[in-house]
Amino acid sequence: MIIRAGTVVTMDGPPIENGAVAVSGSRITNVGKFSEISATNSGEQIVDLGEQALLPGLINAHCHLDYTCLRGKIPPPKSFTEWIRAINAEKANLSPEDYVRSIKEGFAEAKRFGTTTIANLTAFPELIRRIKSLVRTWWFAELIDVREPSRANEIVDAALEKLKSTEHWGLAPHAPFTASANLYRRCEEIAPRENALLTTHLAESSEEMSMFRDASGTLYDFLKEIGRNMSDCGRKTPLSQLTEIVRDCTRSSPDSLAATSRLSRPSRSSHSLDSSTSVGMKDRWMVVHLNELTESDFDLLKGSTTKFSIVHCPRSHAYFGHSPFQFHKLRKAGLNICLGTDSLASNDDLSLFAEMRAFQKEFPKLPPDEIFRMVTLNPALALAKPHVLGRIGKNCWADLIAVPITGSTSAFEEIVAFDRVVSWLMINGQVQNPG
């Protein structure tokens, strides 16, 4: 078919006025002016979206759909540790059926707000087989061994078996305060072998900083109380702690160089990195939050060749009252910054448009097209699919949405300001009902 729109936002150049996109199967075959596309694709079905803007589908780089059912259940806490206690209490009352229903409802809501790809963390990878993803999904198994670091390999390997039936997947050691160095090492060992991506929460709260750097604070006391070995505390910041683990794994692994070489070549694996993307071990990580950083941390980032991706969740960040997100310093350090919604245990809905507006409020001088990159091009790079996701171009996956614009200001300003559900959506070449 040919999809015609008043404006086509490709992310590869200026928006195309009176543009069109040709789609065949699951891929985009051509994009340009409507007059050109219709002339070279005569006889194709034409879908005219009027004066709307046709956009690449949005990519949510971090979400926990497990907790969609917890919307509004936990008031903003006095401390991050208080929230951990509260969500643990809520989770104790949930059954597997509750989680399945929660994830399904989350998919439906994300889709209504124009999300066509989502990086979803689940603590229950065994439930994936019971769920039909309504959007393109990277399933990340959330891994915790806080009380049993000796079982790290067993925990990771068990999750791996449950993930392998999915098309796109990754591993998510929860955070350095709940996942042991052994668990991170096992994930680092498996990732190059399986062409898997990795994600983790890091330096989210001041309490996490106090725990690792000072061996004190409410999070330190809570984890010590439940039996965590606290011998890794009192020496390093959370960032330097994780960086050291990853660096040591890379140095010690005999397969690290071979893995990096292998990842730069096409792979036949169904969940593999796109053949047009060259990605090494150092590019595998999507680090979520990174709110608490010292000057020594920034020195570490500037001097490191490890340029991982960062996911910022603006409204969840505001809910907790975390320290200001150091966007400009992180971008200057060369890091790829994306946006996510986090879970509805700390957010109102799963709208990436609302996240863009919240980010714009936080950083009003940033051009809106750069903000839009953080839900399209940047997360596509983080997911190692920059040539097929997050843009409208030849051979890209046909994941598209449409939103109304008036032309009274720049297209990107109107896109970021959009505050409703989308009216038209296509995923994998199939037109779908957003609602």
Protein backbone atom coordinates (compact mmCIF):
# COMPACT_ATOMS: atom_id res chain seq x y z
CA MET A 1 0.00 0.00 0.00
CA ILE A 2 0.89 3.68 -0.22
CA ILE A 3 0.31 5.81 2.86
CA ARG A 4 -0.06 9.51 2.12
CA ALA A 5 0.18 12.23 4.82
CA GLY A 6 0.42 16.01 4.91
CA THR A 7 3.82 15.62 6.59
CA VAL A 8 6.14 12.61 6.73
CA VAL A 9 8.76 12.75 9.47
CA THR A 10 11.53 10.37 8.38
CA MET A 11 14.23 11.31 10.98
CA ASP A 12 16.72 11.18 8.09
CA GLY A 13 16.21 14.76 6.96
CA PRO A 14 13.63 17.56 7.05
CA PRO A 15 9.96 16.50 7.20
CA ILE A 16 8.50 15.82 3.75
CA GLU A 17 5.43 17.92 2.96
CA ASN A 18 2.67 16.06 1.10
CA GLY A 19 4.70 12.92 1.55
CA ALA A 20 4.07 9.23 1.15
CA VAL A 21 5.43 5.90 2.27
CA ALA A 22 5.19 2.69 0.25
CA VAL A 23 4.88 -0.52 2.28
CA SER A 24 5.15 -4.11 1.14
CA GLY A 25 4.79 -6.89 3.68
CA SER A 26 6.53 -5.85 6.88
CA ARG A 27 8.96 -3.38 5.29
CA ILE A 28 8.98 0.14 3.91
CA THR A 29 9.94 0.03 0.24
CA ASN A 30 10.01 3.74 -0.59
CA VAL A 31 9.47 7.18 0.90
CA GLY A 32 9.23 10.63 -0.69
CA LYS A 33 6.78 13.12 -2.17
CA PHE A 34 3.33 11.66 -2.78
CA SER A 35 3.49 12.57 -6.47
CA GLU A 36 6.74 10.60 -6.87
CA ILE A 37 5.72 7.58 -4.81
CA SER A 38 2.30 7.24 -6.44
CA ALA A 39 3.82 7.51 -9.91
CA THR A 40 6.33 4.72 -9.29
CA ASN A 41 3.89 2.48 -7.38
CA SER A 42 0.79 2.71 -9.59
CA GLY A 43 -2.01 0.30 -8.78
CA GLU A 44 -1.22 0.12 -5.08
CA GLN A 45 -3.87 0.73 -2.43
CA ILE A 46 -3.68 4.34 -1.20
CA VAL A 47 -4.39 5.20 2.43
CA ASP A 48 -4.76 8.98 2.78
CA LEU A 49 -4.22 10.22 6.33
CA GLY A 50 -5.07 13.81 5.43
CA GLU A 51 -3.05 16.60 6.99
CA GLN A 52 -1.65 14.47 9.78
CA ALA A 53 2.03 13.84 10.45
CA LEU A 54 3.21 10.30 9.72
CA LEU A 55 5.90 9.33 12.23
CA PRO A 56 8.07 6.34 13.04
CA GLY A 57 6.46 4.36 15.83
CA LEU A 58 7.67 5.34 19.29
CA ILE A 59 10.12 3.16 21.25
CA ASN A 60 9.79 2.85 25.02
CA ALA A 61 13.32 2.05 26.19
CA HIS A 62 12.37 1.01 29.72
CA CYS A 63 9.15 -0.31 31.20
CA HIS A 64 7.85 -2.84 33.74
CA LEU A 65 4.45 -3.95 32.45
CA ASP A 66 4.26 -6.40 35.37
CA TYR A 67 3.11 -3.46 37.50
CA THR A 68 0.43 -1.88 35.29
CA CYS A 69 -2.09 -3.03 37.91
CA LEU A 70 -0.35 -0.95 40.59
CA ARG A 71 -1.32 2.40 39.07
CA GLY A 72 -2.14 4.81 41.90
CA LYS A 73 -1.56 2.19 44.61
CA ILE A 74 1.65 3.67 46.05
CA PRO A 75 1.69 7.40 46.98
CA PRO A 76 4.98 9.26 46.38
CA PRO A 77 7.26 7.96 49.14
CA LYS A 78 9.48 9.81 51.59
CA SER A 79 12.40 7.64 50.52
CA PHE A 80 13.32 5.16 47.79
CA THR A 81 13.67 2.44 50.44
CA GLU A 82 10.13 3.16 51.65
CA TRP A 83 8.90 2.61 48.08
CA ILE A 84 10.76 -0.73 47.84
CA ARG A 85 9.01 -1.89 51.01
CA ALA A 86 5.64 -0.68 49.65
CA ILE A 87 5.94 -2.36 46.26
CA ASN A 88 7.12 -5.60 47.86
CA ALA A 89 3.99 -5.53 50.01
CA GLU A 90 1.79 -4.99 46.94
CA LYS A 91 3.53 -7.74 44.96
CA ALA A 92 2.94 -10.23 47.77
CA ASN A 93 -0.79 -10.06 46.96
CA LEU A 94 -0.45 -10.67 43.20
CA SER A 95 -0.96 -14.02 41.49
CA PRO A 96 0.46 -15.16 38.12
CA GLU A 97 -2.95 -14.38 36.61
CA ASP A 98 -2.72 -10.83 37.97
CA TYR A 99 0.65 -10.38 36.29
CA VAL A 100 -0.55 -11.79 32.95
CA ARG A 101 -3.55 -9.44 33.00
CA SER A 102 -1.33 -6.53 34.02
CA ILE A 103 1.11 -7.09 31.17
CA LYS A 104 -1.67 -7.44 28.60
CA GLU A 105 -3.32 -4.22 29.81
CA GLY A 106 0.06 -2.49 29.66
CA PHE A 107 0.61 -3.50 26.06
CA ALA A 108 -2.82 -2.19 25.10
CA GLU A 109 -2.23 1.15 26.83
CA ALA A 110 1.24 1.65 25.36
CA LYS A 111 -0.13 0.95 21.89
CA ARG A 112 -2.90 3.55 22.30
CA PHE A 113 -0.22 6.16 22.96
CA GLY A 114 1.72 5.32 19.79
CA THR A 115 4.35 2.97 21.19
CA THR A 116 5.17 0.30 18.62
CA THR A 117 8.32 -1.09 20.29
CA ILE A 118 8.95 -1.63 23.98
CA ALA A 119 11.86 -2.83 26.11
CA ASN A 120 9.94 -4.59 28.86
CA LEU A 121 11.44 -6.01 32.03
CA THR A 122 9.62 -8.90 33.62
CA ALA A 123 10.39 -10.74 36.83
CA PHE A 124 8.43 -13.72 35.49
CA PRO A 125 9.81 -14.83 32.10
CA GLU A 126 7.87 -18.09 32.50
CA LEU A 127 4.69 -16.08 31.82
CA ILE A 128 5.83 -14.81 28.41
CA ARG A 129 4.43 -17.85 26.59
CA ARG A 130 0.96 -16.93 27.88
CA ILE A 131 1.05 -13.42 26.42
CA LYS A 132 0.66 -12.20 22.87
CA SER A 133 2.64 -8.98 22.48
CA LEU A 134 0.55 -6.26 20.88
CA VAL A 135 3.70 -4.32 19.96
CA ARG A 136 7.24 -5.26 18.97
CA THR A 137 8.81 -6.37 22.24
CA TRP A 138 12.26 -6.93 23.67
CA TRP A 139 11.69 -9.13 26.73
CA PHE A 140 14.29 -8.62 29.45
CA ALA A 141 14.29 -11.10 32.33
CA GLU A 142 14.75 -9.15 35.56
CA LEU A 143 17.25 -11.03 37.73
CA ILE A 144 17.76 -10.78 41.49
CA ASP A 145 19.97 -12.90 43.77
CA VAL A 146 20.24 -10.55 46.74
CA ARG A 147 19.99 -13.36 49.29
CA GLU A 148 21.60 -16.14 47.22
CA PRO A 149 24.63 -14.95 45.19
CA SER A 150 25.86 -18.55 45.09
CA ARG A 151 22.88 -19.32 42.80
CA ALA A 152 23.71 -16.61 40.25
CA ASN A 153 24.52 -18.99 37.40
CA GLU A 154 21.46 -21.11 38.09
CA ILE A 155 19.16 -18.07 38.18
CA VAL A 156 20.49 -16.64 34.90
CA ASP A 157 20.49 -19.98 33.09
CA ALA A 158 16.90 -20.72 34.16
CA ALA A 159 15.74 -17.35 32.80
CA LEU A 160 17.65 -17.95 29.59
CA GLU A 161 15.72 -21.14 28.87
CA LYS A 162 12.42 -19.27 29.24
CA LEU A 163 13.53 -16.39 26.99
CA LYS A 164 14.85 -18.32 24.03
CA SER A 165 11.42 -18.91 22.52
CA THR A 166 10.94 -15.15 22.07
CA GLU A 167 12.12 -13.22 19.02
CA HIS A 168 13.90 -10.40 20.86
CA TRP A 169 15.22 -10.75 24.39
CA GLY A 170 17.85 -9.67 26.86
CA LEU A 171 18.98 -10.04 30.46
CA ALA A 172 18.35 -7.50 33.22
CA PRO A 173 20.31 -7.87 36.44
CA HIS A 174 18.09 -5.63 38.52
CA ALA A 175 20.62 -3.30 40.19
CA PRO A 176 23.97 -3.62 41.96
CA PHE A 177 22.20 -3.58 45.32
CA THR A 178 20.01 -6.60 44.43
CA ALA A 179 22.16 -8.44 41.87
CA SER A 180 25.56 -9.81 42.85
CA ALA A 181 28.80 -9.38 40.96
CA ASN A 182 28.48 -13.09 40.16
CA LEU A 183 25.14 -12.47 38.46
CA TYR A 184 26.49 -9.56 36.41
CA ARG A 185 29.47 -11.70 35.39
CA ARG A 186 27.20 -14.52 34.25
CA CYS A 187 25.14 -12.10 32.15
CA GLU A 188 28.34 -10.67 30.63
CA GLU A 189 29.48 -14.20 29.83
CA ILE A 190 26.24 -15.17 28.12
CA ALA A 191 25.61 -11.92 26.21
CA PRO A 192 28.23 -12.30 23.45
CA ARG A 193 27.51 -16.00 23.03
CA GLU A 194 23.78 -15.39 22.53
CA ASN A 195 23.92 -11.94 20.88
CA ALA A 196 21.86 -10.64 23.80
CA LEU A 197 21.41 -7.12 25.11
CA LEU A 198 21.76 -6.19 28.78
CA THR A 199 20.01 -3.62 30.92
CA THR A 200 20.19 -2.62 34.57
CA HIS A 201 19.05 0.06 37.01
CA LEU A 202 21.99 2.09 38.24
CA ALA A 203 22.63 5.07 40.53
CA GLU A 204 18.92 5.76 40.77
CA SER A 205 18.70 7.24 44.26
CA SER A 206 20.78 9.11 46.81
CA GLU A 207 20.25 6.11 49.10
CA GLU A 208 22.00 3.86 46.58
CA MET A 209 24.93 6.29 46.47
CA SER A 210 25.12 6.37 50.29
CA MET A 211 25.03 2.58 50.42
CA PHE A 212 27.93 1.96 48.04
CA ARG A 213 30.09 5.00 48.70
CA ASP A 214 29.54 5.46 52.44
CA ALA A 215 28.20 2.10 53.71
CA SER A 216 25.32 3.94 55.36
CA GLY A 217 21.74 5.10 54.88
CA THR A 218 18.26 3.58 54.80
CA LEU A 219 18.87 1.31 51.77
CA TYR A 220 22.07 0.00 53.36
CA ASP A 221 20.23 -0.75 56.60
CA PHE A 222 17.29 -2.42 54.81
CA LEU A 223 19.45 -4.73 52.71
CA LYS A 224 21.68 -5.63 55.64
CA GLU A 225 18.52 -6.46 57.59
CA ILE A 226 17.32 -8.95 54.94
CA GLY A 227 20.68 -10.70 54.78
CA ARG A 228 22.59 -9.15 51.89
CA ASN A 229 26.39 -9.40 52.09
CA MET A 230 27.42 -5.74 52.48
CA SER A 231 31.18 -6.21 52.04
CA ASP A 232 31.11 -4.40 48.66
CA CYS A 233 29.90 -1.17 50.31
CA GLY A 234 31.87 1.82 51.57
CA ARG A 235 34.38 2.04 48.74
CA LYS A 236 32.95 2.96 45.34
CA THR A 237 30.10 4.82 43.67
CA PRO A 238 27.43 2.64 42.01
CA LEU A 239 28.77 3.58 38.55
CA SER A 240 32.39 2.73 39.36
CA GLN A 241 31.25 -0.52 40.97
CA LEU A 242 29.45 -1.70 37.82
CA THR A 243 32.12 -0.37 35.46
CA GLU A 244 34.77 -2.38 37.29
CA ILE A 245 32.72 -5.58 37.05
CA VAL A 246 32.13 -5.13 33.31
CA ARG A 247 35.78 -4.21 32.67
CA ASP A 248 37.04 -7.25 34.60
CA CYS A 249 34.66 -9.54 32.70
CA THR A 250 35.87 -8.21 29.37
CA ARG A 251 39.51 -8.66 30.34
CA SER A 252 39.07 -12.15 31.76
CA SER A 253 36.85 -13.61 29.05
CA PRO A 254 38.85 -15.53 26.41
CA ASP A 255 35.94 -15.09 24.03
CA SER A 256 35.65 -11.29 24.32
CA LEU A 257 37.60 -10.41 21.19
CA ALA A 258 36.00 -13.18 19.18
CA ALA A 259 32.59 -12.11 20.43
CA THR A 260 33.16 -8.52 19.39
CA SER A 261 34.25 -9.66 15.93
CA ARG A 262 31.30 -12.02 15.63
CA LEU A 263 28.85 -9.30 16.51
CA SER A 264 30.04 -7.13 13.64
CA ARG A 265 29.05 -9.83 11.16
CA PRO A 266 25.56 -10.86 10.03
CA SER A 267 23.96 -13.48 12.26
CA ARG A 268 21.22 -15.97 11.50
CA SER A 269 19.85 -15.94 15.03
CA SER A 270 16.23 -14.75 15.17
CA HIS A 271 16.99 -12.40 18.06
CA SER A 272 20.35 -11.28 16.71
CA LEU A 273 21.64 -7.82 16.09
CA ASP A 274 20.70 -6.44 12.70
CA SER A 275 23.23 -7.33 10.02
CA SER A 276 23.72 -3.67 9.18
CA THR A 277 24.85 -2.88 12.73
CA SER A 278 28.34 -3.30 14.15
CA VAL A 279 28.07 -3.73 17.90
CA GLY A 280 30.70 -4.86 20.39
CA MET A 281 30.43 -5.95 24.00
CA LYS A 282 30.84 -2.42 25.29
CA ASP A 283 27.69 -1.32 23.44
CA ARG A 284 25.37 -3.93 24.91
CA TRP A 285 24.28 -2.09 28.05
CA MET A 286 21.16 0.03 28.49
CA VAL A 287 21.71 1.72 31.86
CA VAL A 288 18.51 3.04 33.43
CA HIS A 289 18.31 6.21 35.57
CA LEU A 290 21.93 7.26 36.37
CA ASN A 291 20.69 10.12 38.54
CA GLU A 292 23.39 10.09 41.23
CA LEU A 293 26.85 10.84 39.85
CA THR A 294 29.96 12.39 41.36
CA GLU A 295 32.62 14.37 39.53
CA SER A 296 34.82 11.27 39.63
CA ASP A 297 32.01 9.40 37.86
CA PHE A 298 31.99 11.97 35.07
CA ASP A 299 35.77 11.69 34.80
CA LEU A 300 35.28 7.93 34.48
CA LEU A 301 32.68 8.38 31.75
CA LYS A 302 34.81 10.85 29.79
CA GLY A 303 37.84 8.58 29.85
CA SER A 304 36.01 5.37 29.07
CA THR A 305 35.59 3.73 25.68
CA THR A 306 32.39 2.15 27.02
CA LYS A 307 29.64 4.36 25.58
CA PHE A 308 26.54 2.59 26.80
CA SER A 309 23.01 3.90 26.38
CA ILE A 310 21.15 5.66 29.20
CA VAL A 311 17.39 5.58 29.75
CA HIS A 312 15.82 8.50 31.61
CA CYS A 313 12.23 8.23 32.87
CA PRO A 314 11.20 11.86 33.50
CA ARG A 315 7.87 11.40 35.27
CA SER A 316 9.03 8.51 37.45
CA HIS A 317 12.08 10.64 38.27
CA ALA A 318 9.77 13.46 39.40
CA TYR A 319 7.58 11.05 41.41
CA PHE A 320 10.58 10.05 43.52
CA GLY A 321 12.07 13.55 43.71
CA HIS A 322 15.48 12.29 42.61
CA SER A 323 18.48 14.55 42.12
CA PRO A 324 18.39 16.51 38.82
CA PHE A 325 19.20 14.40 35.77
CA GLN A 326 22.55 15.53 34.36
CA PHE A 327 21.48 15.42 30.72
CA HIS A 328 23.93 17.94 29.29
CA LYS A 329 26.98 16.46 31.02
CA LEU A 330 26.00 12.93 30.01
CA ARG A 331 25.43 13.94 26.40
CA LYS A 332 28.77 15.75 26.38
CA ALA A 333 30.37 12.50 27.55
CA GLY A 334 29.11 10.91 24.32
CA LEU A 335 26.34 8.75 25.77
CA ASN A 336 23.19 7.77 23.87
CA ILE A 337 20.19 9.04 25.87
CA CYS A 338 16.70 7.56 25.53
CA LEU A 339 13.36 7.99 27.29
CA GLY A 340 11.19 5.40 29.01
CA THR A 341 8.05 5.37 31.11
CA ASP A 342 9.19 3.04 33.92
CA SER A 343 6.22 1.28 35.57
CA LEU A 344 2.80 2.46 36.67
CA ALA A 345 3.92 1.85 40.25
CA SER A 346 5.64 5.25 39.85
CA ASN A 347 3.87 6.84 36.88
CA ASP A 348 0.38 7.83 35.73
CA ASP A 349 0.28 6.22 32.28
CA LEU A 350 2.46 4.72 29.53
CA SER A 351 2.51 7.72 27.19
CA LEU A 352 5.89 8.58 25.69
CA PHE A 353 4.36 11.85 24.49
CA ALA A 354 3.85 12.75 28.17
CA GLU A 355 7.47 11.78 28.88
CA MET A 356 8.63 14.09 26.08
CA ARG A 357 6.58 16.95 27.49
CA ALA A 358 7.98 16.32 30.97
CA PHE A 359 11.51 16.25 29.59
CA GLN A 360 10.89 19.49 27.68
CA LYS A 361 9.71 21.13 30.90
CA GLU A 362 12.94 20.00 32.54
CA PHE A 363 15.13 21.12 29.62
CA PRO A 364 13.16 23.85 27.79
CA LYS A 365 16.06 25.00 25.62
CA LEU A 366 16.54 21.62 23.95
CA PRO A 367 15.08 21.62 20.40
CA PRO A 368 11.96 19.43 20.11
CA ASP A 369 13.46 17.37 17.30
CA GLU A 370 16.25 16.29 19.67
CA ILE A 371 13.66 15.27 22.25
CA PHE A 372 11.82 13.23 19.60
CA ARG A 373 15.08 11.44 18.79
CA MET A 374 15.02 10.07 22.36
CA VAL A 375 11.92 7.99 21.58
CA THR A 376 12.92 7.01 18.03
CA LEU A 377 16.49 7.02 16.76
CA ASN A 378 18.27 6.82 20.11
CA PRO A 379 16.43 3.78 21.50
CA ALA A 380 16.71 2.11 18.09
CA LEU A 381 20.48 2.43 18.49
CA ALA A 382 20.27 1.14 22.07
CA LEU A 383 18.40 -1.94 20.82
CA ALA A 384 21.05 -2.42 18.12
CA LYS A 385 18.52 -1.88 15.31
CA PRO A 386 19.31 1.66 14.07
CA HIS A 387 18.78 0.85 10.39
CA VAL A 388 15.34 -0.75 10.74
CA LEU A 389 13.76 0.95 13.77
CA GLY A 390 13.10 4.55 14.80
CA ARG A 391 13.04 6.05 11.31
CA ILE A 392 11.06 5.98 8.06
CA GLY A 393 13.27 4.77 5.25
CA LYS A 394 13.71 2.12 2.62
CA ASN A 395 13.93 -1.40 4.12
CA CYS A 396 12.97 -0.16 7.60
CA TRP A 397 10.36 -2.11 9.51
CA ALA A 398 6.92 -0.69 8.77
CA ASP A 399 6.13 0.57 12.29
CA LEU A 400 4.28 3.87 11.84
CA ILE A 401 1.89 6.19 13.68
CA ALA A 402 -0.02 9.33 12.73
CA VAL A 403 -0.84 12.42 14.80
CA PRO A 404 -2.73 15.57 13.75
CA ILE A 405 -0.77 18.78 13.24
CA THR A 406 -1.97 22.20 12.18
CA GLY A 407 1.15 23.63 10.60
CA SER A 408 0.92 26.67 12.87
CA THR A 409 4.40 25.94 14.26
CA SER A 410 7.19 23.45 13.57
CA ALA A 411 6.16 19.82 13.13
CA PHE A 412 8.37 18.68 16.00
CA GLU A 413 6.92 21.25 18.39
CA GLU A 414 3.42 19.97 17.63
CA ILE A 415 4.53 16.35 17.94
CA VAL A 416 6.05 16.86 21.39
CA ALA A 417 2.96 18.81 22.48
CA PHE A 418 0.54 16.05 21.38
CA ASP A 419 -1.44 14.88 24.43
CA ARG A 420 -4.00 12.32 23.25
CA VAL A 421 -4.13 8.76 21.99
CA VAL A 422 -3.05 8.23 18.39
CA SER A 423 -5.66 7.89 15.67
CA TRP A 424 -3.76 5.57 13.28
CA LEU A 425 -1.08 2.97 13.81
CA MET A 426 0.78 0.31 11.83
CA ILE A 427 3.01 -2.40 13.30
CA ASN A 428 5.07 -4.74 11.13
CA GLY A 429 3.19 -3.61 8.04
CA GLN A 430 -0.28 -4.25 9.51
CA VAL A 431 -2.72 -1.39 10.12
CA GLN A 432 -4.13 -1.81 13.61
CA ASN A 433 -6.77 -0.26 15.82
CA PRO A 434 -4.88 1.83 18.41
CA GLY A 435 -7.70 1.43 20.91
